[in-house]
Amino acid sequence: MSVLFVELSKLFRLADLSAYDVCHEKCVFDPFRHVYRSGKMTLMKTLIGSSCSYDCLYCYSAWNRGFRATPDEISRFFTLMRENGIVKGAFISNSISDPEKSMNEILEAGELIRKDFRGYLHLKIIPGCNRDQIERAVELADRVSLNLETPSFSILSELCSTKSGTDFLRTLRNAINLARKHGKSFTTQLIAGVGETDRQILNVAERLYMRGASRVYYSPFRPVKNTPLERKSPERKKRIANLYRADALIRLYGFSAKKLSDVMDSEFLPDVDPKILLAMEKITTGMEIAPIETPGTGLKKAKLIEKGLTLLDLKKRGLSIKRESAFIKSQKRLSDFFVC
C-alpha cells in the first residue's frame, strides 16, 4: 500500500468526521468527493486530528481510535483540492488534547493556507486557548466559531466531565469581541436533543446575537455507534426546522425570545411555524399585525408594504402573496387577482 494512499485515506476520514461541525444551516456533505457544500460555497471541511482527550458522551472522537494529520498535510491537501477545482474555501477544526496545542495546530494550518490563498477561510476556536491565539485566528480567517454545544453548563457537565464552563465563557467572550473588533464573523453551534428545552436555546441565542454573534446553528442529536449515547433516539427534524424559524424571528425580525415563549407548549415550540402562531394570537385578540409580523412576509416585502404597496402591487412584481393574503384583511383577496 503506497504512502500516498495511506495519507489520502487518513485525510478523507478526517474530512468525513468533521460532519459534526455545522458551517451553514444547509450544509451538505458529498461523500464521493469528501467535500461540504455550504450555501453556494464548496468547502474542504476537516479536522486536523480526531483523537480527543474530552469524554463527551455523544462524540465519536472521545470514544474511538483517532486519526491525526499535520498542519502541513492539511495545507497540501487543500491546495490539491483547490487546484483541481474541487473546493473554493476551507474550514479547519481539531480535536482537543491540550487547548493551546490544539489551537496552535489550527493556526499553523491556517497560516500555511494563507501563504497563497486569499479566499474563504473558517477557523475553529478551541475552548481554553489564550486570547493571543484567538486574535491570530481572527486575523487569518473570514469566520471563526466556537461550539457551545448546549445552552446550559449544568447539561454540559452531565455530557462531559472534562469541559469547564469558565473556559467556555472566557473563550466565547474573547472570540465574539475580537471578531467584532476586526470586522469578522463569529458563529456557534448548539446541539438539540440532549436534555435542553427550546426556551433555553432561544434565550441563549438572543443573548449571543445581542453580543454580536453572526449566526447560531442548530445541530440535531444523532446517536453515534460506539458511544455511550448510541441507543438514544435522534432528534426530530421538525424541531430543528422550527428552531431555525424562531431564530430568524429573533435575528432578522426583532422578535424577543420572551415573546416566542408565549406560544410554546410548556418549554417547547409546537410543530407549527411560530410566526403563524404569533400572528393568530394577535388576530384573536383583535389586534392588527404589522407587515413584518405577517407570515410569508420577509424583510423585502415588509418594506414594500410599509411604503404603501398593496398585495396586488407585489403580485405584479412577481412576488408570492399567497400566505399574506390570509392575514392582511384590509387588502384585496387572492381570488381577486385572477381577473387582473
Protein backbone atom coordinates (compact mmCIF):
# COMPACT_ATOMS: atom_id res chain seq x y z
CA MET A 1 0.00 0.00 0.00
CA SER A 2 1.55 3.31 -1.08
CA VAL A 3 2.31 6.15 1.32
CA LEU A 4 0.13 8.47 -0.79
CA PHE A 5 -2.87 6.13 -0.49
CA VAL A 6 -2.47 5.87 3.29
CA GLU A 7 -2.18 9.66 3.64
CA LEU A 8 -5.24 10.34 1.45
CA SER A 9 -7.30 7.70 3.28
CA LYS A 10 -6.47 9.40 6.57
CA LEU A 11 -7.31 12.86 5.23
CA PHE A 12 -10.60 11.68 3.73
CA ARG A 13 -11.51 10.10 7.06
CA LEU A 14 -10.77 13.33 8.94
CA ALA A 15 -12.93 15.24 6.45
CA ASP A 16 -15.78 12.76 6.98
CA LEU A 17 -15.55 13.14 10.77
CA SER A 18 -15.86 16.92 10.57
CA ALA A 19 -19.55 16.45 9.70
CA TYR A 20 -20.47 17.28 13.29
CA ASP A 21 -19.32 20.90 12.85
CA VAL A 22 -22.15 22.88 11.26
CA CYS A 23 -20.99 25.69 8.98
CA HIS A 24 -24.35 26.53 7.38
CA GLU A 25 -27.94 25.53 8.12
CA LYS A 26 -27.99 23.79 4.73
CA CYS A 27 -24.51 22.32 4.91
CA VAL A 28 -24.48 19.10 2.85
CA PHE A 29 -21.71 16.50 2.75
CA ASP A 30 -20.73 14.99 -0.60
CA PRO A 31 -19.44 11.51 0.35
CA PHE A 32 -17.99 10.85 -3.11
CA ARG A 33 -15.77 13.94 -3.21
CA HIS A 34 -15.42 14.27 0.60
CA VAL A 35 -16.36 17.95 0.48
CA TYR A 36 -19.09 20.09 2.02
CA ARG A 37 -21.50 22.39 0.23
CA SER A 38 -22.23 25.33 2.48
CA GLY A 39 -24.77 27.52 0.72
CA LYS A 40 -23.05 28.45 -2.55
CA MET A 41 -19.58 27.65 -1.20
CA THR A 42 -17.82 24.31 -1.62
CA LEU A 43 -15.52 23.68 1.33
CA MET A 44 -12.73 21.41 2.36
CA LYS A 45 -14.01 20.97 5.90
CA THR A 46 -11.76 18.84 8.06
CA LEU A 47 -10.38 18.02 11.46
CA ILE A 48 -6.61 18.03 11.97
CA GLY A 49 -6.98 15.23 14.48
CA SER A 50 -9.89 13.13 15.72
CA SER A 51 -8.40 11.71 18.91
CA CYS A 52 -9.81 13.80 21.76
CA SER A 53 -8.99 13.94 25.46
CA TYR A 54 -12.53 15.07 26.34
CA ASP A 55 -15.19 12.49 27.21
CA CYS A 56 -18.33 13.96 25.59
CA LEU A 57 -20.95 11.19 25.70
CA TYR A 58 -22.26 11.94 22.19
CA CYS A 59 -18.97 12.39 20.30
CA TYR A 60 -17.21 9.87 18.10
CA SER A 61 -13.76 11.31 18.76
CA ALA A 62 -13.93 10.71 22.51
CA TRP A 63 -14.71 7.01 22.29
CA ASN A 64 -12.96 5.69 19.19
CA ARG A 65 -9.43 5.31 17.93
CA GLY A 66 -8.40 8.58 16.37
CA PHE A 67 -6.56 9.73 13.27
CA ARG A 68 -4.16 12.64 13.09
CA ALA A 69 -2.66 14.73 10.31
CA THR A 70 -0.11 17.51 10.43
CA PRO A 71 -0.93 21.13 9.57
CA ASP A 72 1.35 20.75 6.54
CA GLU A 73 -0.63 17.73 5.31
CA ILE A 74 -3.88 19.66 5.73
CA SER A 75 -2.47 22.61 3.78
CA ARG A 76 -1.18 20.42 0.94
CA PHE A 77 -4.49 18.54 0.81
CA PHE A 78 -6.37 21.83 0.48
CA THR A 79 -4.03 23.10 -2.24
CA LEU A 80 -4.51 19.85 -4.21
CA MET A 81 -8.29 20.09 -3.98
CA ARG A 82 -8.38 23.80 -4.80
CA GLU A 83 -6.08 23.50 -7.81
CA ASN A 84 -8.31 20.74 -9.19
CA GLY A 85 -11.40 22.94 -8.82
CA ILE A 86 -12.98 20.75 -6.14
CA VAL A 87 -13.22 23.36 -3.36
CA LYS A 88 -13.28 27.14 -3.05
CA GLY A 89 -12.65 27.52 0.68
CA ALA A 90 -11.58 25.76 3.86
CA PHE A 91 -12.93 25.13 7.36
CA ILE A 92 -10.28 23.83 9.78
CA SER A 93 -11.19 22.30 13.13
CA ASN A 94 -9.41 20.00 15.57
CA SER A 95 -9.93 17.58 18.40
CA ILE A 96 -8.66 18.65 21.81
CA SER A 97 -5.67 17.31 23.70
CA ASP A 98 -4.21 20.43 25.24
CA PRO A 99 -6.33 23.51 24.24
CA GLU A 100 -3.37 25.74 23.35
CA LYS A 101 -1.55 22.98 21.47
CA SER A 102 -4.68 22.07 19.50
CA MET A 103 -5.28 25.75 18.69
CA ASN A 104 -1.67 26.15 17.56
CA GLU A 105 -2.17 23.35 15.04
CA ILE A 106 -5.24 25.13 13.63
CA LEU A 107 -3.30 28.40 13.39
CA GLU A 108 -0.34 26.72 11.70
CA ALA A 109 -2.64 25.14 9.11
CA GLY A 110 -4.35 28.49 8.57
CA GLU A 111 -1.05 30.31 8.11
CA LEU A 112 0.16 27.73 5.59
CA ILE A 113 -3.08 28.00 3.61
CA ARG A 114 -2.92 31.81 3.66
CA LYS A 115 0.53 31.85 2.00
CA ASP A 116 -1.07 31.54 -1.43
CA PHE A 117 -4.81 31.68 -0.82
CA ARG A 118 -6.89 34.78 -0.04
CA GLY A 119 -10.33 33.19 -0.35
CA TYR A 120 -12.76 31.99 2.31
CA LEU A 121 -11.21 30.51 5.45
CA HIS A 122 -13.07 29.44 8.59
CA LEU A 123 -11.12 28.51 11.73
CA LYS A 124 -12.47 26.81 14.83
CA ILE A 125 -11.69 28.35 18.24
CA ILE A 126 -10.74 25.80 20.90
CA PRO A 127 -12.27 26.43 24.38
CA GLY A 128 -9.50 27.26 26.84
CA CYS A 129 -6.99 28.63 24.32
CA ASN A 130 -5.44 32.02 25.02
CA ARG A 131 -6.51 35.47 23.82
CA ASP A 132 -3.50 35.96 21.52
CA GLN A 133 -4.33 32.73 19.72
CA ILE A 134 -7.92 33.87 19.23
CA GLU A 135 -6.78 37.22 17.84
CA ARG A 136 -4.42 35.50 15.41
CA ALA A 137 -7.25 33.22 14.24
CA VAL A 138 -9.47 36.25 13.68
CA GLU A 139 -6.70 37.95 11.68
CA LEU A 140 -6.27 34.91 9.43
CA ALA A 141 -9.88 33.86 8.94
CA ASP A 142 -13.02 35.29 7.39
CA ARG A 143 -15.05 33.49 10.04
CA VAL A 144 -14.29 31.93 13.42
CA SER A 145 -16.54 29.73 15.51
CA LEU A 146 -16.73 28.10 18.91
CA ASN A 147 -19.24 25.34 19.61
CA LEU A 148 -21.19 25.98 22.81
CA GLU A 149 -22.97 22.61 22.31
CA THR A 150 -25.65 23.21 24.99
CA PRO A 151 -27.43 26.30 26.38
CA SER A 152 -26.79 25.15 29.95
CA PHE A 153 -23.47 24.42 31.62
CA SER A 154 -25.25 22.04 34.01
CA ILE A 155 -26.29 19.94 30.99
CA LEU A 156 -22.76 20.26 29.57
CA SER A 157 -21.28 18.92 32.81
CA GLU A 158 -23.59 15.88 32.57
CA LEU A 159 -22.49 15.23 29.00
CA CYS A 160 -18.78 15.86 29.53
CA SER A 161 -16.88 15.68 32.83
CA THR A 162 -13.76 17.37 31.42
CA LYS A 163 -15.13 20.62 29.95
CA SER A 164 -15.01 23.78 32.01
CA GLY A 165 -17.85 26.30 31.90
CA THR A 166 -15.39 29.02 32.94
CA ASP A 167 -13.13 28.25 29.96
CA PHE A 168 -16.11 28.35 27.61
CA LEU A 169 -17.33 31.72 28.85
CA ARG A 170 -13.90 33.34 28.76
CA THR A 171 -13.11 31.99 25.29
CA LEU A 172 -16.57 32.86 23.98
CA ARG A 173 -16.34 36.44 25.24
CA ASN A 174 -12.88 36.94 23.70
CA ALA A 175 -13.88 35.36 20.39
CA ILE A 176 -17.01 37.49 19.92
CA ASN A 177 -15.28 40.71 20.97
CA LEU A 178 -12.21 40.15 18.79
CA ALA A 179 -14.28 39.10 15.78
CA ARG A 180 -16.33 42.29 16.11
CA LYS A 181 -13.15 44.38 16.55
CA HIS A 182 -11.68 43.01 13.29
CA GLY A 183 -14.96 43.07 11.37
CA LYS A 184 -15.10 39.28 11.08
CA SER A 185 -17.95 36.82 11.51
CA PHE A 186 -18.44 34.71 14.65
CA THR A 187 -20.75 31.70 14.78
CA THR A 188 -21.58 28.99 17.26
CA GLN A 189 -23.47 25.72 17.39
CA LEU A 190 -25.96 24.18 19.81
CA ILE A 191 -26.98 20.52 19.83
CA ALA A 192 -30.73 19.96 20.14
CA GLY A 193 -31.84 16.75 21.77
CA VAL A 194 -29.53 16.24 24.75
CA GLY A 195 -31.79 17.45 27.56
CA GLU A 196 -32.28 21.15 26.83
CA THR A 197 -35.54 23.00 26.08
CA ASP A 198 -36.43 25.35 23.23
CA ARG A 199 -36.86 28.14 25.75
CA GLN A 200 -33.26 27.66 26.95
CA ILE A 201 -31.91 27.54 23.41
CA LEU A 202 -33.70 30.69 22.23
CA ASN A 203 -32.79 32.66 25.36
CA VAL A 204 -29.11 31.88 24.77
CA ALA A 205 -29.37 32.62 21.04
CA GLU A 206 -30.90 36.03 21.77
CA ARG A 207 -28.09 36.90 24.19
CA LEU A 208 -25.47 35.79 21.67
CA TYR A 209 -26.98 37.98 18.93
CA MET A 210 -27.08 40.92 21.33
CA ARG A 211 -23.36 40.40 21.99
CA GLY A 212 -22.52 40.39 18.27
CA ALA A 213 -22.64 36.77 17.11
CA SER A 214 -23.40 36.43 13.39
CA ARG A 215 -25.21 33.10 13.48
CA VAL A 216 -26.27 30.37 15.86
CA TYR A 217 -26.58 26.97 14.19
CA TYR A 218 -28.63 24.06 15.50
CA SER A 219 -27.39 20.51 15.13
CA PRO A 220 -29.86 17.65 15.74
CA PHE A 221 -28.58 14.97 18.08
CA ARG A 222 -27.76 11.81 16.16
CA PRO A 223 -26.66 8.68 18.01
CA VAL A 224 -23.14 7.60 17.07
CA LYS A 225 -22.12 3.96 17.20
CA ASN A 226 -19.69 3.01 19.95
CA THR A 227 -20.50 6.00 22.15
CA PRO A 228 -22.42 5.93 25.47
CA LEU A 229 -25.45 7.55 23.79
CA GLU A 230 -25.58 5.23 20.78
CA ARG A 231 -29.07 3.97 21.76
CA LYS A 232 -30.58 7.39 22.45
CA SER A 233 -33.27 8.46 19.96
CA PRO A 234 -32.27 11.02 17.31
CA GLU A 235 -33.79 14.49 17.47
CA ARG A 236 -36.77 15.22 15.21
CA LYS A 237 -36.18 17.21 12.03
CA LYS A 238 -39.33 19.25 12.69
CA ARG A 239 -37.87 20.58 15.93
CA ILE A 240 -34.71 21.78 14.16
CA ALA A 241 -36.75 23.42 11.39
CA ASN A 242 -38.83 25.32 13.95
CA LEU A 243 -35.75 26.38 15.90
CA TYR A 244 -34.36 27.91 12.71
CA ARG A 245 -37.69 29.68 12.09
CA ALA A 246 -37.71 31.05 15.64
CA ASP A 247 -34.04 32.02 15.34
CA ALA A 248 -34.80 34.04 12.20
CA LEU A 249 -37.58 35.88 14.02
CA ILE A 250 -35.07 36.93 16.70
CA ARG A 251 -32.10 37.59 14.42
CA LEU A 252 -33.82 39.29 11.48
CA TYR A 253 -37.26 40.49 12.57
CA GLY A 254 -36.71 41.83 16.07
CA PHE A 255 -38.90 39.36 17.96
CA SER A 256 -37.83 38.60 21.52
CA ALA A 257 -37.22 35.16 22.99
CA LYS A 258 -39.75 36.09 25.68
CA LYS A 259 -42.40 36.79 23.03
CA LEU A 260 -41.74 33.42 21.40
CA SER A 261 -42.16 31.72 24.75
CA ASP A 262 -45.77 32.95 24.78
CA VAL A 263 -46.69 30.44 22.06
CA MET A 264 -44.74 27.50 23.46
CA ASP A 265 -46.27 24.32 24.81
CA SER A 266 -44.60 24.48 28.19
CA GLU A 267 -40.88 24.75 27.31
CA PHE A 268 -41.05 23.76 23.64
CA LEU A 269 -42.26 25.22 20.35
CA PRO A 270 -45.23 23.32 18.83
CA ASP A 271 -44.77 21.80 15.37
CA VAL A 272 -46.20 24.88 13.67
CA ASP A 273 -44.41 27.89 12.20
CA PRO A 274 -44.06 30.21 15.25
CA LYS A 275 -44.70 33.28 13.10
CA ILE A 276 -48.16 31.93 12.24
CA LEU A 277 -48.90 31.28 15.91
CA LEU A 278 -47.84 34.80 16.89
CA ALA A 279 -49.97 36.32 14.14
CA MET A 280 -53.00 34.25 15.10
CA GLU A 281 -52.57 35.27 18.74
CA LYS A 282 -52.80 38.94 17.72
CA ILE A 283 -55.75 38.39 15.43
CA THR A 284 -57.78 36.54 18.05
CA THR A 285 -57.32 39.45 20.45
CA GLY A 286 -58.43 41.95 17.82
CA MET A 287 -55.00 43.46 17.27
CA GLU A 288 -53.66 44.42 13.84
CA ILE A 289 -50.46 42.70 12.74
CA ALA A 290 -47.63 44.74 11.26
CA PRO A 291 -46.22 43.81 7.83
CA ILE A 292 -43.06 42.40 9.41
CA GLU A 293 -45.22 40.19 11.65
CA THR A 294 -47.21 38.75 8.76
CA PRO A 295 -46.49 35.09 7.90
CA GLY A 296 -44.85 34.78 4.49
CA THR A 297 -43.56 38.35 4.58
CA GLY A 298 -39.82 38.75 4.66
CA LEU A 299 -37.86 41.96 5.10
CA LYS A 300 -38.10 42.94 1.42
CA LYS A 301 -41.88 42.56 1.14
CA ALA A 302 -42.49 44.14 4.55
CA LYS A 303 -40.61 47.29 3.49
CA LEU A 304 -42.62 47.48 0.25
CA ILE A 305 -45.94 47.16 2.13
CA GLU A 306 -44.82 49.82 4.62
CA LYS A 307 -44.17 52.14 1.63
CA GLY A 308 -47.82 51.74 0.62
CA LEU A 309 -47.68 48.95 -1.96
CA THR A 310 -50.70 46.62 -1.99
CA LEU A 311 -50.67 42.84 -2.29
CA LEU A 312 -51.73 43.35 -5.92
CA ASP A 313 -48.66 45.53 -6.48
CA LEU A 314 -46.46 42.81 -5.01
CA LYS A 315 -48.02 40.15 -7.23
CA LYS A 316 -47.45 42.32 -10.31
CA ARG A 317 -43.78 42.43 -9.32
CA GLY A 318 -43.69 38.66 -9.39
CA LEU A 319 -43.68 38.17 -5.61
CA SER A 320 -45.76 35.46 -3.97
CA ILE A 321 -48.54 36.81 -1.76
CA LYS A 322 -50.43 33.57 -1.06
CA ARG A 323 -49.69 33.45 2.68
CA GLU A 324 -50.05 37.20 3.30
CA SER A 325 -53.50 37.32 1.70
CA ALA A 326 -54.89 35.19 4.52
CA PHE A 327 -53.75 37.68 7.16
CA ILE A 328 -53.95 41.17 5.64
CA LYS A 329 -57.72 41.70 5.59
CA SER A 330 -57.60 45.34 4.53
CA GLN A 331 -56.29 44.45 1.04
CA LYS A 332 -57.66 42.53 -1.93
CA ARG A 333 -58.13 38.77 -1.63
CA LEU A 334 -56.12 36.32 -3.66
CA SER A 335 -59.20 35.36 -5.70
CA ASP A 336 -59.46 38.96 -6.95
CA PHE A 337 -56.10 38.65 -8.72
CA PHE A 338 -57.21 36.07 -11.26
CA VAL A 339 -59.06 38.76 -13.25
CA CYS A 340 -56.00 41.05 -13.39
